Protein backbone atom coordinates (compact mmCIF):
# COMPACT_ATOMS: atom_id res chain seq x y z
CA MET A 1 57.41 56.07 83.58
CA THR A 2 53.96 55.03 82.07
CA PRO A 3 52.48 57.65 78.71
CA LEU A 4 50.07 60.08 79.38
CA SER A 5 47.63 57.90 76.66
CA PRO A 6 48.14 54.33 76.29
CA LEU A 7 47.27 54.72 72.61
CA LEU A 8 50.56 56.43 72.03
CA SER A 9 53.28 55.31 69.52
CA PRO A 10 56.37 54.24 70.52
CA GLU A 11 58.00 57.10 68.87
CA ILE A 12 55.83 59.66 70.32
CA GLU A 13 55.95 58.20 73.69
CA ASP A 14 60.29 58.37 73.17
CA LEU A 15 59.61 62.23 71.70
CA ARG A 16 57.33 62.84 75.01
CA LEU A 17 59.69 61.67 77.76
CA ARG A 18 62.55 62.97 76.34
CA THR A 19 60.92 66.61 75.82
CA ARG A 20 60.03 65.78 79.86
CA ASP A 21 63.50 65.60 80.70
CA PHE A 22 64.44 68.40 78.75
CA ILE A 23 61.92 70.81 80.64
CA ARG A 24 62.47 69.47 83.62
CA SER A 25 66.75 69.27 83.40
CA VAL A 26 67.14 72.32 80.90
CA VAL A 27 64.48 74.85 80.72
CA ILE A 28 62.84 74.81 84.36
CA PRO A 29 66.39 75.84 86.08
CA ALA A 30 66.54 78.55 83.53
CA GLU A 31 62.87 80.16 84.41
CA PRO A 32 62.85 83.78 84.71
CA ALA A 33 61.49 84.59 88.14
CA PRO A 34 57.80 84.93 88.62
CA GLY A 35 55.93 87.68 86.48
CA GLU A 36 59.20 88.45 84.36
CA ARG A 37 59.36 87.67 80.69
CA LEU A 38 62.27 85.67 79.29
CA ALA A 39 65.61 87.18 78.08
CA GLU A 40 66.01 87.25 74.41
CA SER A 41 69.70 85.63 74.77
CA GLU A 42 68.27 82.84 77.39
CA ARG A 43 65.56 82.65 74.59
CA THR A 44 68.48 81.84 71.77
CA ARG A 45 70.19 79.82 74.41
CA LEU A 46 67.68 77.50 75.10
CA GLN A 47 66.16 77.21 71.58
CA ALA A 48 69.84 75.80 70.22
CA ALA A 49 69.61 73.16 73.36
CA ALA A 50 65.77 72.06 71.89
CA LYS A 51 67.49 71.89 68.52
CA ASP A 52 70.59 69.55 70.08
CA ALA A 53 68.23 67.46 71.84
CA GLY A 54 65.91 66.83 68.90
CA VAL A 55 62.61 68.28 70.59
CA PHE A 56 62.30 71.51 68.83
CA ALA A 57 59.05 72.47 66.96
CA PRO A 58 57.17 69.37 67.27
CA HIS A 59 54.16 70.04 65.90
CA VAL A 60 55.86 70.97 62.20
CA SER A 61 56.65 68.55 59.61
CA ARG A 62 60.24 67.25 59.27
CA GLU A 63 60.69 68.62 55.67
CA TYR A 64 60.65 72.49 57.30
CA GLY A 65 62.63 71.35 60.32
CA GLY A 66 60.08 70.04 63.56
CA GLN A 67 59.91 66.52 64.53
CA GLY A 68 56.54 65.75 62.51
CA VAL A 69 53.96 65.06 64.88
CA PRO A 70 50.40 64.47 63.79
CA LEU A 71 47.92 66.45 65.23
CA ALA A 72 46.26 63.81 67.06
CA SER A 73 49.51 63.16 69.12
CA TRP A 74 50.37 67.04 69.60
CA SER A 75 48.64 67.16 73.60
CA PRO A 76 51.18 64.85 75.20
CA ILE A 77 54.08 66.66 73.83
CA PHE A 78 52.49 69.91 74.46
CA GLN A 79 51.70 69.16 77.73
CA GLU A 80 55.50 68.57 78.60
CA ALA A 81 56.47 71.73 77.16
CA GLY A 82 53.88 73.44 79.19
CA TYR A 83 54.81 72.37 82.71
CA SER A 84 57.06 75.54 82.46
CA LEU A 85 55.69 78.74 81.45
CA ILE A 86 59.14 79.26 79.29
CA GLY A 87 58.67 75.73 77.56
CA PRO A 88 56.33 76.49 74.82
CA THR A 89 58.44 79.37 73.92
CA VAL A 90 62.03 77.36 74.07
CA LEU A 91 60.02 74.49 71.78
CA ASN A 92 58.99 77.10 69.53
CA CYS A 93 55.27 75.60 70.01
CA GLN A 94 54.25 79.08 71.59
CA ALA A 95 51.03 81.20 70.73
CA PRO A 96 50.80 82.89 68.11
CA ASP A 97 53.93 81.38 65.96
CA GLU A 98 52.28 77.79 66.52
CA GLY A 99 48.81 78.46 64.93
CA ASN A 100 50.46 80.15 62.31
CA MET A 101 53.27 77.54 61.45
CA HIS A 102 50.22 75.11 60.92
CA MET A 103 48.35 77.41 58.83
CA LEU A 104 51.07 78.57 56.64
CA GLU A 105 51.96 74.48 56.61
CA LEU A 106 48.21 73.08 55.03
CA ILE A 107 47.25 76.19 53.18
CA GLY A 108 50.56 78.48 52.17
CA THR A 109 52.08 78.32 48.36
CA PRO A 110 55.55 76.58 48.20
CA GLU A 111 57.14 80.55 48.12
CA GLN A 112 55.24 81.18 50.96
CA LYS A 113 56.68 78.28 53.00
CA GLU A 114 59.92 78.90 51.96
CA GLN A 115 60.15 83.26 52.65
CA TYR A 116 57.69 82.65 55.99
CA LEU A 117 57.27 79.27 57.08
CA ARG A 118 60.95 77.96 57.31
CA PRO A 119 62.23 80.78 59.05
CA LEU A 120 59.48 81.11 61.28
CA VAL A 121 59.76 76.99 62.35
CA SER A 122 63.74 77.64 62.77
CA GLY A 123 62.98 79.82 65.55
CA ALA A 124 64.55 82.70 63.24
CA ALA A 125 61.67 84.92 62.46
CA ARG A 126 58.36 84.97 64.59
CA SER A 127 54.94 86.42 63.73
CA CYS A 128 51.65 87.86 64.80
CA PHE A 129 47.77 87.04 63.63
CA GLY A 130 45.96 90.22 63.19
CA MET A 131 42.17 89.43 63.71
CA THR A 132 40.85 91.57 66.88
CA GLU A 133 40.28 95.42 66.04
CA PRO A 134 38.90 98.18 68.68
CA HIS A 135 35.28 98.08 69.06
CA PRO A 136 32.91 98.05 66.87
CA GLY A 137 35.61 95.89 64.86
CA ALA A 138 36.00 92.74 65.10
CA GLY A 139 36.39 90.63 68.86
CA SER A 140 34.09 87.85 69.64
CA ASP A 141 32.34 88.49 66.45
CA PRO A 142 34.74 87.92 63.72
CA ALA A 143 32.07 89.04 61.74
CA ALA A 144 32.30 92.60 62.31
CA LEU A 145 35.78 92.79 60.65
CA MET A 146 36.57 96.45 60.05
CA SER A 147 39.82 96.59 58.48
CA SER A 148 39.76 96.16 54.93
CA ALA A 149 41.86 95.67 51.59
CA ALA A 150 41.19 97.60 48.35
CA LYS A 151 42.19 95.50 45.31
CA VAL A 152 44.76 97.72 42.72
CA ASP A 153 47.00 96.77 40.00
CA GLY A 154 49.37 94.05 40.59
CA GLY A 155 48.28 93.72 44.69
CA TRP A 156 46.07 95.46 47.77
CA VAL A 157 45.72 98.52 49.75
CA ILE A 158 45.72 97.71 53.18
CA ASN A 159 43.95 100.12 55.74
CA GLY A 160 42.95 98.82 59.38
CA HIS A 161 43.86 99.42 63.10
CA LYS A 162 44.47 95.96 65.11
CA ARG A 163 44.48 95.69 68.84
CA PHE A 164 45.67 92.56 71.06
CA THR A 165 47.69 91.49 68.25
CA SER A 166 49.64 89.29 70.05
CA GLY A 167 53.23 88.87 69.82
CA ALA A 168 53.89 92.24 67.25
CA ASN A 169 56.69 93.69 69.03
CA ASN A 170 58.89 90.49 68.06
CA ALA A 171 57.47 89.83 64.59
CA ALA A 172 58.80 89.68 61.35
CA PHE A 173 55.51 89.31 59.75
CA CYS A 174 51.57 89.96 60.67
CA ILE A 175 49.08 87.63 58.77
CA ALA A 176 46.35 90.23 58.38
CA MET A 177 42.77 89.37 58.35
CA VAL A 178 41.10 92.06 56.24
CA ARG A 179 37.62 92.82 54.55
CA THR A 180 37.42 92.70 50.93
CA ALA A 181 34.83 93.27 48.09
CA ALA A 182 34.34 90.77 45.15
CA VAL A 183 37.16 90.77 42.32
CA ASP A 184 35.74 90.16 39.15
CA GLY A 185 39.50 88.84 37.97
CA ALA A 186 39.12 91.61 34.69
CA GLY A 187 39.31 94.98 36.07
CA ALA A 188 42.72 95.48 38.25
CA GLY A 189 45.36 94.66 35.21
CA SER A 190 46.84 91.76 33.88
CA SER A 191 48.15 90.36 36.87
CA SER A 192 45.05 90.26 38.27
CA PRO A 193 43.97 87.58 40.24
CA ALA A 194 40.59 84.80 39.27
CA ALA A 195 37.34 86.23 40.24
CA ALA A 196 36.81 85.71 44.29
CA PRO A 197 33.78 86.59 46.23
CA ALA A 198 33.14 89.56 48.72
CA GLY A 199 34.33 88.21 52.47
CA ALA A 200 37.32 87.94 54.68
CA THR A 201 40.88 87.86 53.11
CA MET A 202 43.95 87.02 55.27
CA LEU A 203 47.21 88.70 53.61
CA LEU A 204 50.74 88.57 54.75
CA VAL A 205 52.40 91.72 55.69
CA ASP A 206 56.15 92.03 56.80
CA MET A 207 56.15 94.24 59.58
CA GLU A 208 58.74 96.63 57.92
CA THR A 209 56.38 97.39 55.05
CA PRO A 210 55.34 101.17 54.64
CA GLY A 211 52.47 101.89 56.52
CA VAL A 212 52.77 99.50 59.04
CA ARG A 213 52.90 101.28 62.73
CA ILE A 214 52.94 99.23 65.89
CA GLY A 215 50.83 101.94 68.08
CA GLU A 216 49.77 101.60 71.82
CA GLN A 217 50.93 98.68 73.90
CA ILE A 218 48.35 97.18 76.13
CA SER A 219 49.85 95.77 79.50
CA THR A 220 48.04 92.96 80.40
CA MET A 221 48.17 90.36 83.41
CA ASP A 222 49.83 87.28 81.10
CA ARG A 223 53.49 87.29 80.38
CA ALA A 224 54.15 83.93 78.93
CA ILE A 225 53.65 85.25 74.87
CA GLY A 226 56.52 87.32 74.33
CA GLY A 227 55.89 90.57 71.69
CA GLY A 228 53.39 91.73 74.00
CA HIS A 229 49.52 92.20 72.10
CA PRO A 230 49.55 95.70 71.28
CA HIS A 231 47.88 98.00 68.53
CA VAL A 232 49.24 98.02 65.24
CA HIS A 233 47.85 100.44 62.63
CA PHE A 234 47.83 99.91 58.59
CA GLU A 235 48.37 102.92 56.65
CA ASP A 236 47.77 102.50 52.57
CA VAL A 237 50.04 99.37 52.93
CA PHE A 238 50.62 97.93 49.67
CA VAL A 239 51.12 94.10 49.42
CA PRO A 240 51.93 92.32 46.14
CA ASP A 241 49.16 89.69 44.93
CA THR A 242 51.36 86.78 45.73
CA ALA A 243 50.64 87.98 49.49
CA VAL A 244 47.62 86.69 49.68
CA LEU A 245 47.44 83.42 52.00
CA GLY A 246 44.92 81.11 50.49
CA SER A 247 42.17 82.58 48.12
CA PRO A 248 40.84 86.28 48.22
CA GLY A 249 37.73 85.99 49.85
CA GLN A 250 37.99 83.04 51.82
CA GLY A 251 39.50 84.28 55.23
CA PHE A 252 37.10 82.66 57.32
CA ARG A 253 36.74 79.31 56.41
CA TYR A 254 40.89 79.40 56.25
CA ALA A 255 40.56 80.93 59.80
CA GLN A 256 39.15 77.67 60.83
CA VAL A 257 42.02 76.00 59.71
CA ARG A 258 44.05 77.78 62.29
CA LEU A 259 41.96 78.83 65.25
CA GLY A 260 40.24 75.54 66.09
CA PRO A 261 43.68 73.52 66.62
CA ALA A 262 44.76 76.68 68.21
CA ARG A 263 42.58 77.07 71.01
CA LEU A 264 43.31 73.61 71.33
CA THR A 265 46.88 73.97 72.01
CA HIS A 266 45.79 76.57 74.32
CA CYS A 267 44.53 74.21 76.30
CA MET A 268 47.03 71.65 76.05
CA ARG A 269 49.86 73.80 77.27
CA TRP A 270 47.62 75.34 80.13
CA LEU A 271 46.88 71.71 81.08
CA GLY A 272 50.90 71.05 81.81
CA LEU A 273 51.21 73.87 83.61
CA ALA A 274 48.44 72.88 85.62
CA ARG A 275 49.96 69.62 86.48
CA ARG A 276 53.03 71.39 87.42
CA ALA A 277 50.48 73.24 89.95
CA MET A 278 49.18 69.81 91.02
CA ASP A 279 52.92 68.48 91.86
CA ILE A 280 53.51 71.30 94.05
CA ALA A 281 50.46 70.98 96.14
CA LEU A 282 51.39 67.37 96.48
CA ASP A 283 54.72 68.20 97.13
CA ARG A 284 53.28 70.30 100.11
CA THR A 285 50.73 68.21 101.21
CA ASN A 286 52.65 65.16 101.49
CA THR A 287 55.66 66.71 103.52
CA ARG A 288 53.74 69.25 105.77
CA GLU A 289 51.50 68.67 108.77
CA ILE A 290 49.19 70.57 110.49
CA PHE A 291 46.77 69.87 113.88
CA GLY A 292 48.68 67.10 114.23
CA SER A 293 48.45 65.32 110.80
CA ALA A 294 49.90 65.21 107.41
CA MET A 295 48.22 67.37 105.38
CA HIS A 296 47.59 64.72 102.57
CA GLU A 297 45.36 62.90 105.36
CA LEU A 298 42.83 65.67 106.00
CA GLY A 299 39.34 65.26 104.19
CA ILE A 300 39.63 68.70 103.25
CA ALA A 301 42.85 68.56 101.53
CA GLN A 302 41.88 65.15 100.11
CA ASP A 303 39.02 66.77 98.75
CA MET A 304 40.58 69.55 96.92
CA LEU A 305 43.56 67.34 95.50
CA ALA A 306 40.48 64.58 93.93
CA LEU A 307 38.97 67.65 92.36
CA ASN A 308 42.41 68.77 90.73
CA VAL A 309 42.46 65.01 89.33
CA MET A 310 38.91 65.17 88.27
CA ASP A 311 39.67 68.54 86.15
CA LEU A 312 42.95 67.29 85.07
CA GLU A 313 41.57 63.91 83.58
CA THR A 314 38.67 65.21 82.16
CA SER A 315 40.68 68.11 80.35
CA ASP A 316 43.01 65.67 79.41
CA ALA A 317 40.00 63.43 77.96
CA ILE A 318 38.20 66.12 75.86
CA ILE A 319 41.28 67.46 74.41
CA THR A 320 42.61 64.10 73.04
CA LYS A 321 39.26 63.24 71.55
CA THR A 322 38.97 66.79 69.70
CA ALA A 323 42.57 66.62 68.65
CA ALA A 324 41.49 63.41 66.84
CA LEU A 325 38.46 64.86 65.58
CA LEU A 326 40.39 67.53 64.13
CA GLU A 327 42.31 65.27 61.82
CA THR A 328 39.36 63.43 60.83
CA ASP A 329 36.48 66.15 60.77
CA ALA A 330 37.96 69.42 60.61
CA LYS A 331 34.32 71.11 61.06
CA ALA A 332 33.20 68.99 64.10
CA GLY A 333 36.38 69.26 65.74
CA SER A 334 36.32 73.10 65.27
CA ALA A 335 32.76 73.09 67.10
CA LEU A 336 34.62 70.41 69.55
CA SER A 337 37.32 72.77 70.35
CA SER A 338 34.87 75.37 71.73
CA VAL A 339 33.89 72.68 74.31
CA ALA A 340 37.59 71.75 74.88
CA LYS A 341 38.54 75.53 75.25
CA ALA A 342 35.51 76.53 77.86
CA HIS A 343 36.24 73.45 79.91
CA THR A 344 39.97 73.37 80.05
CA SER A 345 40.16 77.12 80.82
CA GLU A 346 37.94 77.42 83.64
CA ALA A 347 39.31 73.64 85.03
CA VAL A 348 43.27 74.61 84.91
CA TYR A 349 42.25 78.13 87.24
CA ARG A 350 40.28 75.57 89.54
CA VAL A 351 43.31 73.29 89.83
CA ILE A 352 45.93 76.13 89.78
CA ASP A 353 43.47 78.17 92.42
CA ARG A 354 43.17 74.73 94.97
CA SER A 355 46.83 74.44 94.63
CA LEU A 356 47.49 78.06 95.77
CA GLN A 357 45.21 77.31 98.57
CA LEU A 358 46.50 74.39 99.86
CA CYS A 359 49.94 76.09 99.94
CA GLY A 360 48.75 78.75 102.00
CA GLY A 361 50.87 81.90 102.63
CA ASP A 362 53.52 80.62 100.55
CA GLY A 363 50.91 80.15 97.74
CA VAL A 364 50.41 84.34 97.26
CA THR A 365 54.12 84.90 97.35
CA ASN A 366 56.94 84.69 94.71
CA SER A 367 58.47 81.88 96.13
CA LEU A 368 56.19 79.66 94.68
CA PRO A 369 54.95 80.68 91.15
CA LEU A 370 51.74 79.65 91.68
CA ALA A 371 50.30 83.57 92.00
CA SER A 372 52.12 83.90 88.68
CA TYR A 373 50.27 81.06 87.05
CA LEU A 374 46.94 82.24 87.91
CA ASN A 375 47.59 85.61 86.19
CA GLU A 376 48.63 83.25 83.35
CA VAL A 377 45.76 81.33 83.10
CA ARG A 378 43.02 83.58 83.98
CA ALA A 379 43.37 85.81 80.48
CA PHE A 380 42.67 82.10 78.63
CA ARG A 381 39.07 82.92 79.75
CA ILE A 382 38.93 85.45 77.38
CA TYR A 383 41.41 85.13 74.68
CA ASP A 384 40.64 83.01 71.47
CA GLY A 385 36.83 84.41 72.06
CA SER A 386 35.78 84.42 75.47
CA ASN A 387 34.07 81.73 77.42
CA GLU A 388 30.97 83.24 77.20
CA THR A 389 30.61 83.29 73.49
CA HIS A 390 31.82 79.74 73.07
CA LYS A 391 28.91 78.58 75.45
CA TRP A 392 26.69 80.42 73.27
CA ALA A 393 27.57 78.76 70.36
CA ILE A 394 27.74 75.19 72.11
CA ALA A 395 24.38 75.72 73.03
CA ARG A 396 22.93 76.86 69.45
CA ARG A 397 24.59 73.83 68.13
CA ALA A 398 23.35 71.39 70.67
CA SER A 399 19.39 72.77 70.23
CA ALA A 400 20.08 72.94 66.47
CA GLY A 401 21.16 69.48 66.50
CA ARG A 402 17.97 68.22 68.91
CA ARG A 403 15.66 69.62 66.17
CA ARG A 404 17.04 68.17 63.36
CA GLU A 405 16.62 64.83 65.13
CA VAL A 406 13.43 65.80 66.10
CA GLU A 407 12.64 66.82 62.15
CA ALA A 408 14.07 63.39 61.55
CA GLY A 409 11.42 61.13 63.45
CA ALA A 410 13.10 61.06 66.76
CA PRO A 411 10.43 61.44 69.48
CA LEU A 412 9.88 64.63 71.69
CA LEU A 413 10.90 63.69 75.21
CA ALA A 414 9.89 66.28 77.48
CA THR A 415 6.24 66.53 75.77
CA VAL A 416 3.26 66.17 78.52
CA ASP A 417 -0.21 65.24 77.88
CA ALA A 418 -3.13 67.07 79.47
CA ASP A 419 -3.23 64.92 82.31
CA GLN A 420 0.76 65.95 82.93
CA SER A 421 1.94 62.49 82.40
CA PHE A 422 5.08 62.06 80.34
CA THR A 423 4.87 60.67 76.85
CA GLY A 424 7.81 59.34 74.63
CA ALA A 425 10.04 58.38 77.67
CA GLU A 426 8.24 56.01 79.82
CA ALA A 427 10.28 53.45 81.87
C-alpha cells in the first residue's frame, strides 16, 4: 500500500496503515444504518478498541494520552478516520472536541489541562464551543458577538444566548466566547487579574454550573456530530478567574488558534468520506454492464470518475499545504485555510454527488450510504463560516496583497494607453 504522501515518515505511515485497517475491519462493520446516530454503548466499546489498537486521539501529544502526530501530518490519518462517518468519533478526533483539545493543549494552564484536556482526550468527557448566536449576534461575523461577561470579585458573570452549539447535549463543559469590558486590574478585589483590554474572552464553563441552560433543539440534516446543535443560555452564570482560557480580551486572537486548524480538519475528515464514495462508485462501474459495455468503459462515466479524481487530488494538495503552513506561519496558514475550506467543501460534495449518480437508483436508497453522505457534507458549506464569507475574505486578501505589491514598485499589468495597447506586460 503506497502512502497518501511520499513525505510521510515511517512512523506516520505505520499509524496511517493501522488506522486504515482498524476503520475497515472494526469500525465499518459497526456503522449504524444511514441517517442514524452511533449508540452511546457502541461509542464506548469502539473507543476502547481504538485505544487497544493504538490509534486513539492521533492529534494529541502522548503526554495527555494521544498519538503525538504533528499538525502537518494529521491529514492522512484524519482521512483514514473519515472513511467512516463514525470513524472520527471512535478515534476521538471529531469536532468540536478535536478543536477544543488542540486549543487547550496550546494555551491552557497546567491546571486547565488536567481538569479539562485530559478527560477530554481519554473520552471520559465531551465538550462544546459557544460562538454562534441568534441574529443579530455572532455568526459569519464574529465581531457581532453579543454574549458578555462582567468582571466581579474573584471571577466573571456571564449572560448570553448561543445557538448551533454543536455537541452541547453531551458536553461536560463549554468554551464560551463572550464580550468583556476593559479590566484595569485594580477595581474588582484582590483576586482581580492584571489589566486587560476590552474585547472577546474565552471562558471554560462547566455545563452543570447554575444558570447554564440547554434550550431549543435544532434539527439539522447532518448526524455525524453527536450531541446535536442546540441553543444554550447563560443566565447570571458565575465562573472564577481560573476559568479564563488564555487572557481576557484576547479571545479573537486565540480563536484563530482553534478555527484555522479546526476548519482544516473538517476538510480532512470529509475528504476521507469522499474517498469512500469514490470507491463505492468504482466498485459499481467495474462490475455493472449497461448498453452492452462495462460502465467503466463508457465515456460519460469516465468523465465523472476523472472529475472525482481531480477534486480529490486538488483537495488533498491544498489541505497538505495549509497544514504545513499552519505549523510555521499561523496567520498565513489561517488565511489559506479559508481557501482549503471553500474548495474542499464544494469538491467533496461534487465527488459524492457524482458517485451517487453513477450508482443510479440504488444511490438514492438506503441500500447504499451515499444519500446520507450528501446530507452530511452539504452542511459544511455553511458550518465554520459560510463559503460566501470565506470567498469574500479570500478576495479582499488577494486585492490588498496586489495593492501592496504595486505600491512597492510592481508594474500595473492591466493599464492601457490611449491607443488601447497594453503596457507593462508585452510579450
